[in-house]
N, C-alpha and C. Protein backbone atom coordinates (compact mmCIF):
# COMPACT_ATOMS: atom_id res chain seq x y z
N MET A 1 -31.73 58.63 42.56
CA MET A 1 -30.55 59.22 41.96
C MET A 1 -29.68 58.12 41.36
N ASP A 2 -29.24 58.37 40.20
CA ASP A 2 -28.41 57.41 39.48
C ASP A 2 -26.97 57.51 39.95
N GLN A 3 -26.40 56.38 40.33
CA GLN A 3 -24.99 56.39 40.74
C GLN A 3 -24.13 56.02 39.54
N GLU A 4 -23.14 56.81 39.33
CA GLU A 4 -22.24 56.54 38.21
C GLU A 4 -21.04 55.74 38.70
N CYS A 5 -20.68 54.78 37.92
CA CYS A 5 -19.50 53.98 38.24
C CYS A 5 -18.33 54.52 37.42
N TYR A 6 -17.29 54.79 38.11
CA TYR A 6 -16.08 55.28 37.45
C TYR A 6 -15.06 54.16 37.40
N LYS A 7 -14.53 53.96 36.26
CA LYS A 7 -13.48 52.96 36.11
C LYS A 7 -12.15 53.69 36.00
N TYR A 8 -11.34 53.47 37.00
CA TYR A 8 -10.03 54.11 37.02
C TYR A 8 -9.02 53.16 36.42
N SER A 9 -8.17 53.69 35.60
CA SER A 9 -7.11 52.86 35.06
C SER A 9 -5.84 53.13 35.87
N ILE A 10 -5.25 52.06 36.31
CA ILE A 10 -4.03 52.17 37.09
C ILE A 10 -2.87 51.80 36.17
N HIS A 11 -1.76 52.40 36.45
CA HIS A 11 -0.56 52.06 35.69
C HIS A 11 -0.22 50.59 35.94
N GLU A 12 0.35 49.95 34.96
CA GLU A 12 0.63 48.51 35.01
C GLU A 12 1.49 48.13 36.21
N LYS A 13 2.40 49.00 36.62
CA LYS A 13 3.30 48.62 37.71
C LYS A 13 2.63 48.70 39.08
N PHE A 14 1.41 49.22 39.15
CA PHE A 14 0.69 49.29 40.42
C PHE A 14 -0.44 48.26 40.52
N HIS A 15 -0.58 47.39 39.53
CA HIS A 15 -1.63 46.38 39.58
C HIS A 15 -1.39 45.43 40.75
N PRO A 16 -2.44 45.13 41.51
CA PRO A 16 -2.27 44.23 42.65
C PRO A 16 -2.04 42.79 42.19
N ILE A 17 -1.43 42.02 43.07
CA ILE A 17 -1.19 40.61 42.81
C ILE A 17 -2.29 39.82 43.53
N SER A 18 -2.84 38.83 42.87
CA SER A 18 -3.90 38.02 43.49
C SER A 18 -3.30 37.10 44.54
N ALA A 19 -4.17 36.47 45.32
CA ALA A 19 -3.72 35.52 46.34
C ALA A 19 -2.99 34.35 45.69
N TRP A 20 -3.51 33.88 44.57
CA TRP A 20 -2.84 32.79 43.85
C TRP A 20 -1.50 33.24 43.29
N GLY A 21 -1.39 34.50 42.94
CA GLY A 21 -0.11 35.03 42.48
C GLY A 21 0.93 34.98 43.58
N TYR A 22 0.54 35.36 44.80
CA TYR A 22 1.46 35.29 45.93
C TYR A 22 1.86 33.84 46.23
N ILE A 23 0.91 32.93 46.14
CA ILE A 23 1.23 31.51 46.36
C ILE A 23 2.21 31.03 45.29
N GLY A 24 1.98 31.42 44.05
CA GLY A 24 2.89 31.04 42.97
C GLY A 24 4.29 31.60 43.16
N TYR A 25 4.37 32.87 43.57
CA TYR A 25 5.69 33.46 43.82
C TYR A 25 6.37 32.78 45.00
N GLN A 26 5.61 32.38 46.03
CA GLN A 26 6.22 31.71 47.18
C GLN A 26 6.79 30.35 46.77
N ILE A 27 6.06 29.64 45.93
CA ILE A 27 6.57 28.35 45.42
C ILE A 27 7.80 28.60 44.56
N LEU A 28 7.77 29.62 43.73
CA LEU A 28 8.91 29.95 42.88
C LEU A 28 10.13 30.34 43.72
N PHE A 29 9.92 31.13 44.76
CA PHE A 29 11.03 31.57 45.60
C PHE A 29 11.59 30.44 46.46
N SER A 30 10.82 29.37 46.64
CA SER A 30 11.31 28.27 47.46
C SER A 30 12.24 27.32 46.70
N LEU A 31 12.38 27.50 45.39
CA LEU A 31 13.33 26.70 44.62
C LEU A 31 14.74 27.11 45.03
N PRO A 32 15.64 26.14 45.23
CA PRO A 32 16.94 26.43 45.83
C PRO A 32 17.76 27.54 45.18
N ILE A 33 18.25 27.40 44.01
CA ILE A 33 19.14 28.41 43.41
C ILE A 33 18.34 29.38 42.55
N LEU A 34 17.49 28.85 41.71
CA LEU A 34 16.70 29.68 40.81
C LEU A 34 15.81 30.65 41.58
N GLY A 35 15.24 30.20 42.69
CA GLY A 35 14.38 31.06 43.50
C GLY A 35 15.12 32.25 44.06
N LEU A 36 16.33 32.03 44.53
CA LEU A 36 17.13 33.13 45.07
C LEU A 36 17.51 34.13 43.98
N ILE A 37 17.88 33.61 42.82
CA ILE A 37 18.24 34.49 41.70
C ILE A 37 17.03 35.32 41.27
N LEU A 38 15.87 34.68 41.13
CA LEU A 38 14.67 35.42 40.74
C LEU A 38 14.21 36.39 41.83
N MET A 39 14.41 36.01 43.08
CA MET A 39 14.05 36.91 44.18
C MET A 39 14.89 38.18 44.13
N ILE A 40 16.17 38.04 43.88
CA ILE A 40 17.05 39.21 43.76
C ILE A 40 16.67 40.03 42.53
N PHE A 41 16.36 39.34 41.42
CA PHE A 41 15.96 40.05 40.20
C PHE A 41 14.66 40.84 40.42
N PHE A 42 13.66 40.20 41.03
CA PHE A 42 12.39 40.88 41.27
C PHE A 42 12.53 42.00 42.29
N ALA A 43 13.43 41.85 43.26
CA ALA A 43 13.64 42.88 44.27
C ALA A 43 14.26 44.13 43.66
N CYS A 44 15.00 43.97 42.58
CA CYS A 44 15.63 45.12 41.91
C CYS A 44 14.79 45.63 40.74
N SER A 45 13.77 44.88 40.36
CA SER A 45 12.94 45.25 39.22
C SER A 45 11.97 46.37 39.59
N ASN A 46 11.59 47.15 38.60
CA ASN A 46 10.64 48.24 38.83
C ASN A 46 9.37 48.01 38.00
N GLU A 47 9.17 46.77 37.54
CA GLU A 47 8.05 46.47 36.67
C GLU A 47 6.72 46.42 37.42
N ASN A 48 6.71 45.80 38.60
CA ASN A 48 5.51 45.72 39.43
C ASN A 48 5.92 45.99 40.88
N ILE A 49 5.36 47.03 41.46
CA ILE A 49 5.76 47.46 42.81
C ILE A 49 5.42 46.39 43.84
N ASN A 50 4.27 45.74 43.71
CA ASN A 50 3.86 44.74 44.70
C ASN A 50 4.78 43.52 44.67
N ARG A 51 5.15 43.08 43.48
CA ARG A 51 6.07 41.94 43.37
C ARG A 51 7.44 42.31 43.90
N ARG A 52 7.90 43.55 43.62
CA ARG A 52 9.19 44.01 44.12
C ARG A 52 9.21 44.02 45.65
N ASN A 53 8.16 44.54 46.27
CA ASN A 53 8.12 44.60 47.73
C ASN A 53 8.02 43.21 48.34
N TYR A 54 7.29 42.30 47.69
CA TYR A 54 7.18 40.93 48.19
C TYR A 54 8.54 40.23 48.13
N ALA A 55 9.27 40.43 47.04
CA ALA A 55 10.60 39.82 46.92
C ALA A 55 11.56 40.42 47.95
N ARG A 56 11.47 41.73 48.18
CA ARG A 56 12.33 42.36 49.18
C ARG A 56 12.02 41.83 50.58
N ALA A 57 10.73 41.64 50.87
CA ALA A 57 10.35 41.11 52.18
C ALA A 57 10.89 39.70 52.37
N ASN A 58 10.85 38.88 51.33
CA ASN A 58 11.41 37.54 51.42
C ASN A 58 12.93 37.58 51.62
N LEU A 59 13.61 38.48 50.93
CA LEU A 59 15.06 38.60 51.11
C LEU A 59 15.41 39.04 52.53
N ILE A 60 14.64 39.97 53.08
CA ILE A 60 14.88 40.42 54.46
C ILE A 60 14.68 39.27 55.43
N LEU A 61 13.66 38.45 55.22
CA LEU A 61 13.43 37.30 56.09
C LEU A 61 14.57 36.29 56.00
N ILE A 62 15.11 36.10 54.80
CA ILE A 62 16.24 35.18 54.64
C ILE A 62 17.46 35.71 55.40
N VAL A 63 17.73 37.00 55.30
CA VAL A 63 18.88 37.59 56.01
C VAL A 63 18.69 37.49 57.52
N ILE A 64 17.50 37.80 58.01
CA ILE A 64 17.23 37.70 59.46
C ILE A 64 17.38 36.25 59.93
N SER A 65 16.87 35.31 59.14
CA SER A 65 17.00 33.90 59.50
C SER A 65 18.46 33.46 59.52
N ALA A 66 19.25 33.92 58.55
CA ALA A 66 20.67 33.56 58.51
C ALA A 66 21.41 34.13 59.72
N ILE A 67 21.11 35.37 60.08
CA ILE A 67 21.76 35.98 61.25
C ILE A 67 21.37 35.23 62.51
N PHE A 68 20.09 34.92 62.66
CA PHE A 68 19.63 34.19 63.84
C PHE A 68 20.28 32.80 63.91
N THR A 69 20.41 32.13 62.78
CA THR A 69 21.04 30.81 62.74
C THR A 69 22.50 30.88 63.14
N VAL A 70 23.23 31.87 62.66
CA VAL A 70 24.65 32.01 63.00
C VAL A 70 24.81 32.31 64.49
N VAL A 71 23.99 33.21 65.02
CA VAL A 71 24.08 33.54 66.45
C VAL A 71 23.73 32.32 67.30
N ALA A 72 22.69 31.59 66.94
CA ALA A 72 22.32 30.39 67.70
C ALA A 72 23.42 29.34 67.62
N PHE A 73 24.04 29.19 66.46
CA PHE A 73 25.14 28.23 66.30
C PHE A 73 26.32 28.61 67.17
N ILE A 74 26.64 29.91 67.22
CA ILE A 74 27.77 30.36 68.05
C ILE A 74 27.49 30.08 69.52
N PHE A 75 26.28 30.34 69.97
CA PHE A 75 25.94 30.08 71.37
C PHE A 75 25.95 28.59 71.68
N LEU A 76 25.47 27.77 70.76
CA LEU A 76 25.44 26.33 71.00
C LEU A 76 26.85 25.74 70.99
N VAL A 77 27.68 26.16 70.06
CA VAL A 77 29.04 25.65 69.99
C VAL A 77 29.85 26.18 71.18
N GLY A 78 29.62 27.45 71.52
CA GLY A 78 30.33 28.03 72.67
C GLY A 78 29.98 27.35 73.97
N SER A 79 28.72 26.97 74.15
CA SER A 79 28.32 26.30 75.38
C SER A 79 28.78 24.85 75.40
N ALA A 80 28.99 24.24 74.24
CA ALA A 80 29.45 22.85 74.18
C ALA A 80 30.94 22.77 74.48
N ILE A 81 31.69 23.81 74.17
CA ILE A 81 33.13 23.80 74.40
C ILE A 81 33.42 23.95 75.89
N VAL A 82 32.63 24.76 76.56
CA VAL A 82 32.85 25.03 77.98
C VAL A 82 32.45 23.87 78.78
C-alpha cells in the first residue's frame, strides 16, 4: 500500500524556533539594556507565539530572581543589624 505524505502548512506565527534560534535569543536577551527592551517587545508581540512565550518566560524568571534577591537582602541586612 502506498503511503501518502501530506504537507501541512502552518501559519507563520506558529512556526517552531530551532535550538540555535533559542540560543541566539538567549544571547540577545543577555545584553544589558537592549536585551530587556527586546524581551519586553517580543513578550508583547503577536508575530511568533513561540518567541513571545520564550520572552515571557525570561521576564518571569527575571521578576522571580529580583524578588528572591530583595528578600534575601532583607534577611541578610536584618540579621546583621541584630
